[in-house]
Structures are given as structure tokens and as C-alpha cells.
């Protein structure tokens, strides 16, 4: 909401309060109608987040006049709200303590994924050969995708998928000793059956 508030004020040059109120009101109704989706504490947070995104789309669509421009506006708002200095600093610290150690990074991602709760299903396969040691976080069930699909709005899932770039664009192979394999990266929001986040560490020759 903070990102949306700032984006409305700066881009639309209007008082954001009426639009924010409309978004919050509709989001509350959407969340209430989806109460059966709540399986644990994390899923309640997922529901609130997705309800807000859907409500923002419904509210801003007639204002902005087109689906693409509305999705872009909400995406910019989401990134603006999340991409803070503290977030970047936390990601930087995480990657620093895991430099040259993909096992440690895998353990951290495993812990993080557990915080997503029962409405996400995931695995973390590990592969090793003569040239590299790699693992990937693979999500078979994503609350976000299933929520938006149930509301005939799967095109809104990438609004949340884009946040992945905050961490994988922070990976520096020279500094951290591993890289994010963008060739194999995919998410359900972009049409894949399974979300795949691959990390690869090349082995030193000799």
C-alpha cells in the first residue's frame, strides 16, 4: 500500500486517499470471501496480499484505461514498496555469508520456504557433476498463482513473481562464488508448470 500510495501521488498527480480507500475496502471483501483459503498464519498473509493486488487492479483499471497499463502501474507500485534499502541490505548480507557455499544458501532458502506455510509445496533438488555443483528451489504449488487463477486473473501473478529479481539480480558470481542461472529460471506466473530458481557453483579446475 505504501508503494501504491506513492505511485498514485507521483504518477497520477492526484490525492491518493480516495483510491487507496477504495482498494482497501474491496480487498477486505475479497479476503472475507476467500476465508476458506486460510490454512495457517502465513496463508492469511498471502490472502491479504493477493486480495490487495486484485483490488488495486479492479480499482485502477477504469482510471488507467487499459489492462497492460494497469498491471504495469501495480507492478511498479509493488516494487517501489518492497525494494527498500533495508531489504537490499538484508539480501546482501544473506548472499555474503553464503559466498562459496551453496549448501549454506540452500539451507537458508529451505528455511525461508518453510515460512511460506502449507499453501506452498516445494522441493530443493541438488545436482553435481565434474564441472558444477548446483541446486534449485522448485515450487509445485503456489498460493499466489492459484488465487489469481481462481479469480480469472492469472495475469496478475507476475506482479509478485517480479520480486524474485530483487535477490537473484543481487547475485554476483565474482563476489559470491555462484550464479543464478537465468536460462533455467521460470515461474508459474509466466506460464511454467513449476517455478524453478537455479543456483550454480562452478568447480575449480585442477
C-alpha atoms as a PDB file:
ATOM      1  CA  UNK A   1       0.000   0.000   0.000  1.00  0.00           C
ATOM      2  CA  UNK A   2       2.882   2.392   0.679  1.00  0.00           C
ATOM      3  CA  UNK A   3       4.210   1.840  -2.841  1.00  0.00           C
ATOM      4  CA  UNK A   4       0.741   2.257  -4.341  1.00  0.00           C
ATOM      5  CA  UNK A   5       0.176   5.437  -2.354  1.00  0.00           C
ATOM      6  CA  UNK A   6       3.439   6.954  -3.621  1.00  0.00           C
ATOM      7  CA  UNK A   7       2.870   5.835  -7.211  1.00  0.00           C
ATOM      8  CA  UNK A   8      -0.620   7.363  -7.346  1.00  0.00           C
ATOM      9  CA  UNK A   9       0.657  10.617  -5.887  1.00  0.00           C
ATOM     10  CA  UNK A  10       3.720  10.919  -8.131  1.00  0.00           C
ATOM     11  CA  UNK A  11       2.429   9.444 -11.392  1.00  0.00           C
ATOM     12  CA  UNK A  12      -1.270  10.284 -11.415  1.00  0.00           C
ATOM     13  CA  UNK A  13      -0.699  13.621  -9.657  1.00  0.00           C
ATOM     14  CA  UNK A  14      -3.794  13.217  -7.526  1.00  0.00           C
ATOM     15  CA  UNK A  15      -4.735  12.747  -3.898  1.00  0.00           C
ATOM     16  CA  UNK A  16      -4.187   9.003  -3.324  1.00  0.00           C
ATOM     17  CA  UNK A  17      -6.530   8.709  -0.347  1.00  0.00           C
ATOM     18  CA  UNK A  18      -9.828   8.047  -2.196  1.00  0.00           C
ATOM     19  CA  UNK A  19      -8.249   5.378  -4.412  1.00  0.00           C
ATOM     20  CA  UNK A  20      -6.397   3.772  -1.514  1.00  0.00           C
ATOM     21  CA  UNK A  21      -9.627   3.628   0.474  1.00  0.00           C
ATOM     22  CA  UNK A  22     -11.427   2.009  -2.455  1.00  0.00           C
ATOM     23  CA  UNK A  23      -8.651  -0.561  -2.789  1.00  0.00           C
ATOM     24  CA  UNK A  24      -8.691  -1.364   0.927  1.00  0.00           C
ATOM     25  CA  UNK A  25     -12.471  -1.680   1.005  1.00  0.00           C
ATOM     26  CA  UNK A  26     -12.567  -4.098  -1.929  1.00  0.00           C
ATOM     27  CA  UNK A  27      -9.543  -6.004  -0.657  1.00  0.00           C
ATOM     28  CA  UNK A  28     -11.369  -6.574   2.626  1.00  0.00           C
ATOM     29  CA  UNK A  29     -14.356  -8.003   0.783  1.00  0.00           C
ATOM     30  CA  UNK A  30     -12.174 -10.265  -1.365  1.00  0.00           C
ATOM     31  CA  UNK A  31     -10.286 -11.503   1.674  1.00  0.00           C
ATOM     32  CA  UNK A  32     -13.509 -12.229   3.525  1.00  0.00           C
ATOM     33  CA  UNK A  33     -14.914 -14.190   0.575  1.00  0.00           C
ATOM     34  CA  UNK A  34     -11.718 -16.260   0.427  1.00  0.00           C
ATOM     35  CA  UNK A  35     -11.581 -17.147   4.129  1.00  0.00           C
ATOM     36  CA  UNK A  36     -11.635 -20.856   3.298  1.00  0.00           C
ATOM     37  CA  UNK A  37      -8.185 -20.451   1.699  1.00  0.00           C
ATOM     38  CA  UNK A  38      -6.599 -19.743   5.078  1.00  0.00           C
ATOM     39  CA  UNK A  39      -4.848 -22.880   6.329  1.00  0.00           C
ATOM     40  CA  UNK A  40      -2.311 -21.296   8.677  1.00  0.00           C
ATOM     41  CA  UNK A  41      -0.882 -17.911   9.670  1.00  0.00           C
ATOM     42  CA  UNK A  42       1.261 -17.485   6.518  1.00  0.00           C
ATOM     43  CA  UNK A  43      -1.672 -18.221   4.204  1.00  0.00           C
ATOM     44  CA  UNK A  44      -3.660 -15.443   5.856  1.00  0.00           C
ATOM     45  CA  UNK A  45      -0.890 -13.052   4.898  1.00  0.00           C
ATOM     46  CA  UNK A  46      -0.797 -14.459   1.351  1.00  0.00           C
ATOM     47  CA  UNK A  47      -4.548 -13.962   1.052  1.00  0.00           C
ATOM     48  CA  UNK A  48      -4.339 -10.372   2.261  1.00  0.00           C
ATOM     49  CA  UNK A  49      -1.543  -9.565  -0.196  1.00  0.00           C
ATOM     50  CA  UNK A  50      -3.273 -11.144  -3.195  1.00  0.00           C
ATOM     51  CA  UNK A  51      -6.598  -9.541  -2.281  1.00  0.00           C
ATOM     52  CA  UNK A  52      -4.910  -6.141  -2.261  1.00  0.00           C
ATOM     53  CA  UNK A  53      -3.322  -6.707  -5.681  1.00  0.00           C
ATOM     54  CA  UNK A  54      -6.617  -7.849  -7.196  1.00  0.00           C
ATOM     55  CA  UNK A  55      -8.496  -4.939  -5.611  1.00  0.00           C
ATOM     56  CA  UNK A  56      -5.878  -2.492  -6.899  1.00  0.00           C
ATOM     57  CA  UNK A  57      -6.320  -3.863 -10.409  1.00  0.00           C
ATOM     58  CA  UNK A  58     -10.128  -3.603 -10.257  1.00  0.00           C
ATOM     59  CA  UNK A  59      -9.977  -0.077  -8.829  1.00  0.00           C
ATOM     60  CA  UNK A  60      -7.316   1.330 -11.146  1.00  0.00           C
ATOM     61  CA  UNK A  61      -8.424  -0.310 -14.401  1.00  0.00           C
ATOM     62  CA  UNK A  62     -11.132   2.293 -15.159  1.00  0.00           C
ATOM     63  CA  UNK A  63      -8.762   5.070 -14.076  1.00  0.00           C
ATOM     64  CA  UNK A  64      -5.833   3.998 -16.248  1.00  0.00           C
ATOM     65  CA  UNK A  65      -7.971   2.732 -19.109  1.00  0.00           C
ATOM     66  CA  UNK A  66      -6.206  -0.494 -20.063  1.00  0.00           C
ATOM     67  CA  UNK A  67      -5.120  -3.829 -18.648  1.00  0.00           C
ATOM     68  CA  UNK A  68      -1.429  -3.564 -19.603  1.00  0.00           C
ATOM     69  CA  UNK A  69      -1.022  -0.064 -18.210  1.00  0.00           C
ATOM     70  CA  UNK A  70      -2.823  -1.061 -15.002  1.00  0.00           C
ATOM     71  CA  UNK A  71      -0.652  -4.154 -14.485  1.00  0.00           C
ATOM     72  CA  UNK A  72       2.463  -2.080 -15.138  1.00  0.00           C
ATOM     73  CA  UNK A  73       1.316   0.551 -12.648  1.00  0.00           C
ATOM     74  CA  UNK A  74       0.647  -2.030  -9.935  1.00  0.00           C
ATOM     75  CA  UNK A  75       3.962  -3.777 -10.665  1.00  0.00           C
ATOM     76  CA  UNK A  76       5.850  -0.503 -10.277  1.00  0.00           C
ATOM     77  CA  UNK A  77       3.958   0.195  -7.061  1.00  0.00           C
ATOM     78  CA  UNK A  78       4.782  -3.241  -5.654  1.00  0.00           C
ATOM     79  CA  UNK A  79       8.470  -2.933  -6.464  1.00  0.00           C
ATOM     80  CA  UNK A  80       8.550   0.575  -5.069  1.00  0.00           C
ATOM     81  CA  UNK A  81       7.035  -0.589  -1.801  1.00  0.00           C
ATOM     82  CA  UNK A  82       9.297  -3.615  -1.349  1.00  0.00           C
ATOM     83  CA  UNK A  83      12.621  -2.518  -2.849  1.00  0.00           C
ATOM     84  CA  UNK A  84      13.833  -0.661   0.209  1.00  0.00           C
ATOM     85  CA  UNK A  85      17.355  -0.095   1.490  1.00  0.00           C
ATOM     86  CA  UNK A  86      16.746  -2.478   4.380  1.00  0.00           C
ATOM     87  CA  UNK A  87      15.543  -5.202   2.003  1.00  0.00           C
ATOM     88  CA  UNK A  88      18.606  -4.817  -0.234  1.00  0.00           C
ATOM     89  CA  UNK A  89      20.893  -4.793   2.799  1.00  0.00           C
ATOM     90  CA  UNK A  90      19.316  -7.998   4.159  1.00  0.00           C
ATOM     91  CA  UNK A  91      19.691  -9.746   0.806  1.00  0.00           C
ATOM     92  CA  UNK A  92      23.278  -8.552   0.514  1.00  0.00           C
ATOM     93  CA  UNK A  93      24.106  -9.910   3.959  1.00  0.00           C
ATOM     94  CA  UNK A  94      22.468 -13.261   3.186  1.00  0.00           C
ATOM     95  CA  UNK A  95      24.453 -13.671  -0.004  1.00  0.00           C
ATOM     96  CA  UNK A  96      27.673 -12.543   1.691  1.00  0.00           C
ATOM     97  CA  UNK A  97      27.503 -15.160   4.453  1.00  0.00           C
ATOM     98  CA  UNK A  98      26.826 -17.805   1.783  1.00  0.00           C
ATOM     99  CA  UNK A  99      29.729 -16.908  -0.514  1.00  0.00           C
ATOM    100  CA  UNK A 100      31.374 -20.012  -1.992  1.00  0.00           C
ATOM    101  CA  UNK A 101      28.929 -22.136  -0.009  1.00  0.00           C
ATOM    102  CA  UNK A 102      25.818 -23.213  -1.910  1.00  0.00           C
ATOM    103  CA  UNK A 103      24.968 -25.724   0.830  1.00  0.00           C
ATOM    104  CA  UNK A 104      24.501 -22.875   3.281  1.00  0.00           C
ATOM    105  CA  UNK A 105      22.439 -20.922   0.755  1.00  0.00           C
ATOM    106  CA  UNK A 106      20.291 -23.979   0.141  1.00  0.00           C
ATOM    107  CA  UNK A 107      19.686 -24.345   3.888  1.00  0.00           C
ATOM    108  CA  UNK A 108      18.651 -20.678   4.142  1.00  0.00           C
ATOM    109  CA  UNK A 109      16.267 -20.966   1.215  1.00  0.00           C
ATOM    110  CA  UNK A 110      14.828 -24.112   2.759  1.00  0.00           C
ATOM    111  CA  UNK A 111      14.150 -22.224   5.976  1.00  0.00           C
ATOM    112  CA  UNK A 112      12.647 -19.281   4.071  1.00  0.00           C
ATOM    113  CA  UNK A 113      10.326 -21.515   2.049  1.00  0.00           C
ATOM    114  CA  UNK A 114       9.057 -23.165   5.233  1.00  0.00           C
ATOM    115  CA  UNK A 115       7.900 -19.718   6.356  1.00  0.00           C
ATOM    116  CA  UNK A 116       5.503 -19.663   3.378  1.00  0.00           C
ATOM    117  CA  UNK A 117       3.445 -22.322   5.093  1.00  0.00           C
ATOM    118  CA  UNK A 118       1.074 -25.054   4.000  1.00  0.00           C
ATOM    119  CA  UNK A 119      -0.241 -23.412   0.835  1.00  0.00           C
ATOM    120  CA  UNK A 120       3.109 -23.730  -0.927  1.00  0.00           C
ATOM    121  CA  UNK A 121       4.595 -27.074  -1.976  1.00  0.00           C
ATOM    122  CA  UNK A 122       8.254 -27.127  -2.936  1.00  0.00           C
ATOM    123  CA  UNK A 123      11.390 -29.219  -3.284  1.00  0.00           C
ATOM    124  CA  UNK A 124      15.096 -28.397  -3.466  1.00  0.00           C
ATOM    125  CA  UNK A 125      16.843 -30.876  -5.780  1.00  0.00           C
ATOM    126  CA  UNK A 126      20.625 -30.983  -5.830  1.00  0.00           C
ATOM    127  CA  UNK A 127      22.784 -31.890  -8.836  1.00  0.00           C
ATOM    128  CA  UNK A 128      26.515 -32.341  -9.121  1.00  0.00           C
ATOM    129  CA  UNK A 129      28.873 -33.238 -11.959  1.00  0.00           C
ATOM    130  CA  UNK A 130      32.524 -32.730 -12.816  1.00  0.00           C
ATOM    131  CA  UNK A 131      32.045 -29.082 -13.743  1.00  0.00           C
ATOM    132  CA  UNK A 132      29.500 -27.719 -11.313  1.00  0.00           C
ATOM    133  CA  UNK A 133      27.555 -28.153  -8.107  1.00  0.00           C
ATOM    134  CA  UNK A 134      24.016 -26.789  -8.261  1.00  0.00           C
ATOM    135  CA  UNK A 135      20.647 -26.783  -6.567  1.00  0.00           C
ATOM    136  CA  UNK A 136      17.286 -25.259  -7.337  1.00  0.00           C
ATOM    137  CA  UNK A 137      14.241 -24.284  -5.352  1.00  0.00           C
ATOM    138  CA  UNK A 138      11.278 -25.681  -7.267  1.00  0.00           C
ATOM    139  CA  UNK A 139       7.715 -24.708  -6.362  1.00  0.00           C
ATOM    140  CA  UNK A 140       4.988 -27.101  -7.466  1.00  0.00           C
ATOM    141  CA  UNK A 141       2.143 -25.357  -5.676  1.00  0.00           C
ATOM    142  CA  UNK A 142       1.979 -21.567  -5.390  1.00  0.00           C
ATOM    143  CA  UNK A 143      -0.780 -19.866  -3.417  1.00  0.00           C
ATOM    144  CA  UNK A 144      -0.407 -16.689  -5.462  1.00  0.00           C
ATOM    145  CA  UNK A 145      -0.902 -18.380  -8.822  1.00  0.00           C
ATOM    146  CA  UNK A 146      -3.819 -20.476  -7.576  1.00  0.00           C
ATOM    147  CA  UNK A 147      -5.519 -17.439  -6.048  1.00  0.00           C
ATOM    148  CA  UNK A 148      -5.341 -15.290  -9.171  1.00  0.00           C
ATOM    149  CA  UNK A 149      -6.294 -18.219 -11.390  1.00  0.00           C
ATOM    150  CA  UNK A 150      -9.406 -18.801  -9.271  1.00  0.00           C
ATOM    151  CA  UNK A 151     -10.350 -15.154  -9.887  1.00  0.00           C
ATOM    152  CA  UNK A 152      -9.742 -15.439 -13.660  1.00  0.00           C
ATOM    153  CA  UNK A 153      -6.747 -13.143 -13.285  1.00  0.00           C
ATOM    154  CA  UNK A 154      -3.605 -15.325 -13.607  1.00  0.00           C
ATOM    155  CA  UNK A 155      -2.029 -12.402 -15.478  1.00  0.00           C
ATOM    156  CA  UNK A 156      -1.609 -10.675 -12.110  1.00  0.00           C
ATOM    157  CA  UNK A 157       0.718 -13.349 -10.725  1.00  0.00           C
ATOM    158  CA  UNK A 158       3.842 -11.747 -12.295  1.00  0.00           C
ATOM    159  CA  UNK A 159       3.229  -8.685 -10.118  1.00  0.00           C
ATOM    160  CA  UNK A 160       4.546 -10.894  -7.303  1.00  0.00           C
ATOM    161  CA  UNK A 161       6.931 -13.018  -9.395  1.00  0.00           C
ATOM    162  CA  UNK A 162       8.933  -9.898 -10.271  1.00  0.00           C
ATOM    163  CA  UNK A 163      10.004  -9.575  -6.638  1.00  0.00           C
ATOM    164  CA  UNK A 164      12.262 -12.597  -7.149  1.00  0.00           C
ATOM    165  CA  UNK A 165      14.558 -10.338  -9.162  1.00  0.00           C
ATOM    166  CA  UNK A 166      15.458  -8.431  -6.001  1.00  0.00           C
ATOM    167  CA  UNK A 167      17.544 -11.345  -4.784  1.00  0.00           C
ATOM    168  CA  UNK A 168      18.712 -13.059  -7.954  1.00  0.00           C
ATOM    169  CA  UNK A 169      19.890  -9.791  -9.536  1.00  0.00           C
ATOM    170  CA  UNK A 170      21.957  -9.251  -6.388  1.00  0.00           C
ATOM    171  CA  UNK A 171      23.954 -12.434  -7.008  1.00  0.00           C
ATOM    172  CA  UNK A 172      27.475 -11.512  -8.172  1.00  0.00           C
ATOM    173  CA  UNK A 173      29.466 -14.571  -9.340  1.00  0.00           C
ATOM    174  CA  UNK A 174      32.780 -12.818  -8.710  1.00  0.00           C
ATOM    175  CA  UNK A 175      31.823 -11.828  -5.183  1.00  0.00           C
ATOM    176  CA  UNK A 176      29.704 -14.799  -4.115  1.00  0.00           C
ATOM    177  CA  UNK A 177      31.255 -17.732  -5.967  1.00  0.00           C
ATOM    178  CA  UNK A 178      27.986 -18.897  -7.569  1.00  0.00           C
ATOM    179  CA  UNK A 179      25.494 -17.558 -10.086  1.00  0.00           C
ATOM    180  CA  UNK A 180      21.771 -17.545 -10.740  1.00  0.00           C
ATOM    181  CA  UNK A 181      21.045 -19.466 -13.940  1.00  0.00           C
ATOM    182  CA  UNK A 182      18.544 -17.214 -15.702  1.00  0.00           C
ATOM    183  CA  UNK A 183      18.385 -19.628 -18.637  1.00  0.00           C
ATOM    184  CA  UNK A 184      16.571 -22.165 -16.450  1.00  0.00           C
ATOM    185  CA  UNK A 185      14.577 -19.704 -14.323  1.00  0.00           C
ATOM    186  CA  UNK A 186      10.805 -19.944 -14.753  1.00  0.00           C
ATOM    187  CA  UNK A 187       7.641 -19.385 -12.745  1.00  0.00           C
ATOM    188  CA  UNK A 188       4.010 -20.381 -12.963  1.00  0.00           C
ATOM    189  CA  UNK A 189       3.135 -16.711 -13.302  1.00  0.00           C
ATOM    190  CA  UNK A 190       4.996 -16.675 -16.616  1.00  0.00           C
ATOM    191  CA  UNK A 191       3.345 -19.865 -17.862  1.00  0.00           C
ATOM    192  CA  UNK A 192       5.529 -22.657 -16.443  1.00  0.00           C
ATOM    193  CA  UNK A 193       4.126 -25.740 -14.724  1.00  0.00           C
ATOM    194  CA  UNK A 194       6.678 -25.437 -11.912  1.00  0.00           C
ATOM    195  CA  UNK A 195       8.643 -22.457 -10.590  1.00  0.00           C
ATOM    196  CA  UNK A 196      12.405 -23.053 -10.821  1.00  0.00           C
ATOM    197  CA  UNK A 197      15.105 -20.930  -9.166  1.00  0.00           C
ATOM    198  CA  UNK A 198      18.526 -22.412 -10.063  1.00  0.00           C
ATOM    199  CA  UNK A 199      21.824 -21.624  -8.329  1.00  0.00           C
ATOM    200  CA  UNK A 200      25.069 -22.939  -9.818  1.00  0.00           C
ATOM    201  CA  UNK A 201      28.601 -23.073  -8.404  1.00  0.00           C
ATOM    202  CA  UNK A 202      31.308 -23.866 -10.920  1.00  0.00           C
ATOM    203  CA  UNK A 203      34.085 -26.141  -9.720  1.00  0.00           C
ATOM    204  CA  UNK A 204      37.666 -25.001  -9.919  1.00  0.00           C
ATOM    205  CA  UNK A 205      39.749 -26.945 -12.404  1.00  0.00           C
ATOM    206  CA  UNK A 206      42.767 -28.786 -11.155  1.00  0.00           C
END
